[in-house]
Amino acid sequence: LAGVTFTLTGVDGMGNQVVPIEMSSDETGLLWFTDLVPGTYTLTETIPPGYMTS
């Protein structure tokens, strides 16, 4: 789904909280985060207006 916003949060391998990164999927519905160090991350989707979940 193109244009969906995702927020990446988490903790790096040293236990430091990472600054949240917000990105939107491209026209093909893809997104990627670069330069992530090893750690534990959560990816949260913001549901677009008018989109119905099942």
PDB file of N, CA and C in Angstrom:
ATOM      1  N   LEU A   1       0.857  -1.168   0.000  1.00  0.00           N
ATOM      2  CA  LEU A   1       0.000   0.000   0.000  1.00  0.00           C
ATOM      3  C   LEU A   1       0.903   1.231   0.000  1.00  0.00           C
ATOM      4  N   ALA A   2       0.779   2.061  -0.990  1.00  0.00           N
ATOM      5  CA  ALA A   2       1.626   3.247  -1.121  1.00  0.00           C
ATOM      6  C   ALA A   2       1.194   4.349  -0.158  1.00  0.00           C
ATOM      7  N   GLY A   3       2.158   5.117   0.318  1.00  0.00           N
ATOM      8  CA  GLY A   3       1.881   6.289   1.133  1.00  0.00           C
ATOM      9  C   GLY A   3       1.498   6.020   2.574  1.00  0.00           C
ATOM     10  N   VAL A   4       1.750   4.816   3.067  1.00  0.00           N
ATOM     11  CA  VAL A   4       1.451   4.493   4.460  1.00  0.00           C
ATOM     12  C   VAL A   4       2.637   4.911   5.319  1.00  0.00           C
ATOM     13  N   THR A   5       2.365   5.532   6.459  1.00  0.00           N
ATOM     14  CA  THR A   5       3.415   6.000   7.351  1.00  0.00           C
ATOM     15  C   THR A   5       3.735   4.936   8.394  1.00  0.00           C
ATOM     16  N   PHE A   6       5.032   4.709   8.598  1.00  0.00           N
ATOM     17  CA  PHE A   6       5.522   3.772   9.601  1.00  0.00           C
ATOM     18  C   PHE A   6       6.496   4.509  10.509  1.00  0.00           C
ATOM     19  N   THR A   7       6.519   4.134  11.787  1.00  0.00           N
ATOM     20  CA  THR A   7       7.458   4.709  12.742  1.00  0.00           C
ATOM     21  C   THR A   7       8.300   3.591  13.334  1.00  0.00           C
ATOM     22  N   LEU A   8       9.616   3.750  13.262  1.00  0.00           N
ATOM     23  CA  LEU A   8      10.558   2.789  13.815  1.00  0.00           C
ATOM     24  C   LEU A   8      11.050   3.316  15.154  1.00  0.00           C
ATOM     25  N   THR A   9      10.914   2.514  16.195  1.00  0.00           N
ATOM     26  CA  THR A   9      11.409   2.863  17.527  1.00  0.00           C
ATOM     27  C   THR A   9      12.189   1.667  18.058  1.00  0.00           C
ATOM     28  N   GLY A  10      12.918   1.865  19.130  1.00  0.00           N
ATOM     29  CA  GLY A  10      13.598   0.728  19.729  1.00  0.00           C
ATOM     30  C   GLY A  10      14.840   1.097  20.498  1.00  0.00           C
ATOM     31  N   VAL A  11      15.643   0.051  20.726  1.00  0.00           N
ATOM     32  CA  VAL A  11      16.859   0.166  21.519  1.00  0.00           C
ATOM     33  C   VAL A  11      17.993  -0.466  20.721  1.00  0.00           C
ATOM     34  N   ASP A  12      19.130   0.230  20.649  1.00  0.00           N
ATOM     35  CA  ASP A  12      20.265  -0.341  19.928  1.00  0.00           C
ATOM     36  C   ASP A  12      20.950  -1.405  20.784  1.00  0.00           C
ATOM     37  N   GLY A  13      21.954  -2.045  20.221  1.00  0.00           N
ATOM     38  CA  GLY A  13      22.645  -3.127  20.905  1.00  0.00           C
ATOM     39  C   GLY A  13      23.375  -2.714  22.171  1.00  0.00           C
ATOM     40  N   MET A  14      23.589  -1.425  22.366  1.00  0.00           N
ATOM     41  CA  MET A  14      24.244  -0.914  23.572  1.00  0.00           C
ATOM     42  C   MET A  14      23.234  -0.513  24.638  1.00  0.00           C
ATOM     43  N   GLY A  15      21.933  -0.688  24.339  1.00  0.00           N
ATOM     44  CA  GLY A  15      20.886  -0.344  25.296  1.00  0.00           C
ATOM     45  C   GLY A  15      20.412   1.091  25.207  1.00  0.00           C
ATOM     46  N   ASN A  16      20.849   1.818  24.183  1.00  0.00           N
ATOM     47  CA  ASN A  16      20.444   3.214  24.012  1.00  0.00           C
ATOM     48  C   ASN A  16      19.138   3.305  23.232  1.00  0.00           C
ATOM     49  N   GLN A  17      18.225   4.114  23.738  1.00  0.00           N
ATOM     50  CA  GLN A  17      16.975   4.369  23.023  1.00  0.00           C
ATOM     51  C   GLN A  17      17.300   5.089  21.717  1.00  0.00           C
ATOM     52  N   VAL A  18      16.738   4.626  20.611  1.00  0.00           N
ATOM     53  CA  VAL A  18      16.983   5.286  19.331  1.00  0.00           C
ATOM     54  C   VAL A  18      15.956   6.388  19.110  1.00  0.00           C
ATOM     55  N   VAL A  19      16.358   7.400  18.359  1.00  0.00           N
ATOM     56  CA  VAL A  19      15.439   8.477  17.997  1.00  0.00           C
ATOM     57  C   VAL A  19      14.422   7.887  17.022  1.00  0.00           C
ATOM     58  N   PRO A  20      13.110   8.055  17.269  1.00  0.00           N
ATOM     59  CA  PRO A  20      12.105   7.499  16.344  1.00  0.00           C
ATOM     60  C   PRO A  20      12.319   8.010  14.920  1.00  0.00           C
ATOM     61  N   ILE A  21      12.175   7.099  13.963  1.00  0.00           N
ATOM     62  CA  ILE A  21      12.312   7.426  12.545  1.00  0.00           C
ATOM     63  C   ILE A  21      10.962   7.195  11.890  1.00  0.00           C
ATOM     64  N   GLU A  22      10.438   8.209  11.215  1.00  0.00           N
ATOM     65  CA  GLU A  22       9.148   8.093  10.533  1.00  0.00           C
ATOM     66  C   GLU A  22       9.376   8.128   9.028  1.00  0.00           C
ATOM     67  N   MET A  23       8.801   7.144   8.327  1.00  0.00           N
ATOM     68  CA  MET A  23       8.928   7.070   6.870  1.00  0.00           C
ATOM     69  C   MET A  23       7.601   6.628   6.282  1.00  0.00           C
ATOM     70  N   SER A  24       7.414   6.939   4.998  1.00  0.00           N
ATOM     71  CA  SER A  24       6.222   6.492   4.276  1.00  0.00           C
ATOM     72  C   SER A  24       6.629   5.527   3.176  1.00  0.00           C
ATOM     73  N   SER A  25       5.747   4.565   2.897  1.00  0.00           N
ATOM     74  CA  SER A  25       6.018   3.611   1.821  1.00  0.00           C
ATOM     75  C   SER A  25       5.992   4.330   0.477  1.00  0.00           C
ATOM     76  N   ASP A  26       6.781   3.796  -0.466  1.00  0.00           N
ATOM     77  CA  ASP A  26       6.862   4.423  -1.786  1.00  0.00           C
ATOM     78  C   ASP A  26       5.662   4.028  -2.649  1.00  0.00           C
ATOM     79  N   GLU A  27       5.699   4.405  -3.919  1.00  0.00           N
ATOM     80  CA  GLU A  27       4.561   4.164  -4.821  1.00  0.00           C
ATOM     81  C   GLU A  27       4.279   2.678  -5.042  1.00  0.00           C
ATOM     82  N   THR A  28       5.260   1.826  -4.726  1.00  0.00           N
ATOM     83  CA  THR A  28       5.048   0.382  -4.859  1.00  0.00           C
ATOM     84  C   THR A  28       4.683  -0.273  -3.528  1.00  0.00           C
ATOM     85  N   GLY A  29       4.594   0.544  -2.468  1.00  0.00           N
ATOM     86  CA  GLY A  29       4.248   0.020  -1.155  1.00  0.00           C
ATOM     87  C   GLY A  29       5.440  -0.431  -0.326  1.00  0.00           C
ATOM     88  N   LEU A  30       6.650  -0.154  -0.804  1.00  0.00           N
ATOM     89  CA  LEU A  30       7.857  -0.572  -0.086  1.00  0.00           C
ATOM     90  C   LEU A  30       8.466   0.577   0.702  1.00  0.00           C
ATOM     91  N   LEU A  31       9.173   0.227   1.764  1.00  0.00           N
ATOM     92  CA  LEU A  31      10.005   1.195   2.467  1.00  0.00           C
ATOM     93  C   LEU A  31      11.175   0.446   3.059  1.00  0.00           C
ATOM     94  N   TRP A  32      12.249   1.160   3.331  1.00  0.00           N
ATOM     95  CA  TRP A  32      13.410   0.545   3.932  1.00  0.00           C
ATOM     96  C   TRP A  32      14.112   1.570   4.792  1.00  0.00           C
ATOM     97  N   PHE A  33      14.707   1.058   5.857  1.00  0.00           N
ATOM     98  CA  PHE A  33      15.472   1.878   6.780  1.00  0.00           C
ATOM     99  C   PHE A  33      16.935   1.500   6.584  1.00  0.00           C
ATOM    100  N   THR A  34      17.785   2.501   6.401  1.00  0.00           N
ATOM    101  CA  THR A  34      19.202   2.244   6.169  1.00  0.00           C
ATOM    102  C   THR A  34      20.009   2.615   7.404  1.00  0.00           C
ATOM    103  N   ASP A  35      21.191   2.083   7.484  1.00  0.00           N
ATOM    104  CA  ASP A  35      22.150   2.399   8.550  1.00  0.00           C
ATOM    105  C   ASP A  35      21.644   2.037   9.942  1.00  0.00           C
ATOM    106  N   LEU A  36      20.821   0.986  10.052  1.00  0.00           N
ATOM    107  CA  LEU A  36      20.389   0.534  11.373  1.00  0.00           C
ATOM    108  C   LEU A  36      21.476  -0.343  11.978  1.00  0.00           C
ATOM    109  N   VAL A  37      21.806  -0.063  13.221  1.00  0.00           N
ATOM    110  CA  VAL A  37      22.755  -0.914  13.934  1.00  0.00           C
ATOM    111  C   VAL A  37      21.973  -2.060  14.567  1.00  0.00           C
ATOM    112  N   PRO A  38      22.637  -3.155  14.935  1.00  0.00           N
ATOM    113  CA  PRO A  38      21.924  -4.245  15.600  1.00  0.00           C
ATOM    114  C   PRO A  38      21.209  -3.736  16.847  1.00  0.00           C
ATOM    115  N   GLY A  39      20.025  -4.239  17.084  1.00  0.00           N
ATOM    116  CA  GLY A  39      19.239  -3.836  18.237  1.00  0.00           C
ATOM    117  C   GLY A  39      17.870  -4.481  18.188  1.00  0.00           C
ATOM    118  N   THR A  40      16.976  -3.988  19.025  1.00  0.00           N
ATOM    119  CA  THR A  40      15.602  -4.472  19.079  1.00  0.00           C
ATOM    120  C   THR A  40      14.701  -3.323  18.673  1.00  0.00           C
ATOM    121  N   TYR A  41      13.940  -3.517  17.598  1.00  0.00           N
ATOM    122  CA  TYR A  41      13.140  -2.444  17.029  1.00  0.00           C
ATOM    123  C   TYR A  41      11.674  -2.835  16.925  1.00  0.00           C
ATOM    124  N   THR A  42      10.824  -1.822  16.937  1.00  0.00           N
ATOM    125  CA  THR A  42       9.392  -1.991  16.710  1.00  0.00           C
ATOM    126  C   THR A  42       9.002  -1.096  15.550  1.00  0.00           C
ATOM    127  N   LEU A  43       8.234  -1.642  14.619  1.00  0.00           N
ATOM    128  CA  LEU A  43       7.737  -0.892  13.474  1.00  0.00           C
ATOM    129  C   LEU A  43       6.231  -0.752  13.636  1.00  0.00           C
ATOM    130  N   THR A  44       5.767   0.498  13.719  1.00  0.00           N
ATOM    131  CA  THR A  44       4.350   0.777  13.943  1.00  0.00           C
ATOM    132  C   THR A  44       3.766   1.459  12.721  1.00  0.00           C
ATOM    133  N   GLU A  45       2.649   0.937  12.238  1.00  0.00           N
ATOM    134  CA  GLU A  45       1.964   1.492  11.071  1.00  0.00           C
ATOM    135  C   GLU A  45       0.894   2.473  11.528  1.00  0.00           C
ATOM    136  N   THR A  46       0.811   3.613  10.851  1.00  0.00           N
ATOM    137  CA  THR A  46      -0.286   4.552  11.055  1.00  0.00           C
ATOM    138  C   THR A  46      -1.300   4.282   9.957  1.00  0.00           C
ATOM    139  N   ILE A  47      -2.481   3.843  10.340  1.00  0.00           N
ATOM    140  CA  ILE A  47      -3.503   3.468   9.361  1.00  0.00           C
ATOM    141  C   ILE A  47      -3.993   4.716   8.634  1.00  0.00           C
ATOM    142  N   PRO A  48      -3.957   4.688   7.292  1.00  0.00           N
ATOM    143  CA  PRO A  48      -4.402   5.849   6.519  1.00  0.00           C
ATOM    144  C   PRO A  48      -5.903   6.097   6.688  1.00  0.00           C
ATOM    145  N   PRO A  49      -6.339   7.353   6.577  1.00  0.00           N
ATOM    146  CA  PRO A  49      -7.770   7.655   6.660  1.00  0.00           C
ATOM    147  C   PRO A  49      -8.538   6.877   5.592  1.00  0.00           C
ATOM    148  N   GLY A  50      -9.664   6.315   5.975  1.00  0.00           N
ATOM    149  CA  GLY A  50     -10.514   5.590   5.041  1.00  0.00           C
ATOM    150  C   GLY A  50     -10.130   4.144   4.839  1.00  0.00           C
ATOM    151  N   TYR A  51      -9.003   3.723   5.402  1.00  0.00           N
ATOM    152  CA  TYR A  51      -8.560   2.338   5.249  1.00  0.00           C
ATOM    153  C   TYR A  51      -9.226   1.489   6.317  1.00  0.00           C
ATOM    154  N   MET A  52      -9.838   0.398   5.913  1.00  0.00           N
ATOM    155  CA  MET A  52     -10.524  -0.479   6.860  1.00  0.00           C
ATOM    156  C   MET A  52      -9.661  -1.702   7.130  1.00  0.00           C
ATOM    157  N   THR A  53      -9.426  -1.989   8.405  1.00  0.00           N
ATOM    158  CA  THR A  53      -8.655  -3.171   8.771  1.00  0.00           C
ATOM    159  C   THR A  53      -9.587  -4.367   8.874  1.00  0.00           C
ATOM    160  N   SER A  54      -9.003  -5.533   8.766  1.00  0.00           N
ATOM    161  CA  SER A  54      -9.828  -6.740   8.897  1.00  0.00           C
ATOM    162  C   SER A  54      -9.426  -7.539  10.106  1.00  0.00           C
TER     163      SER A  54
END
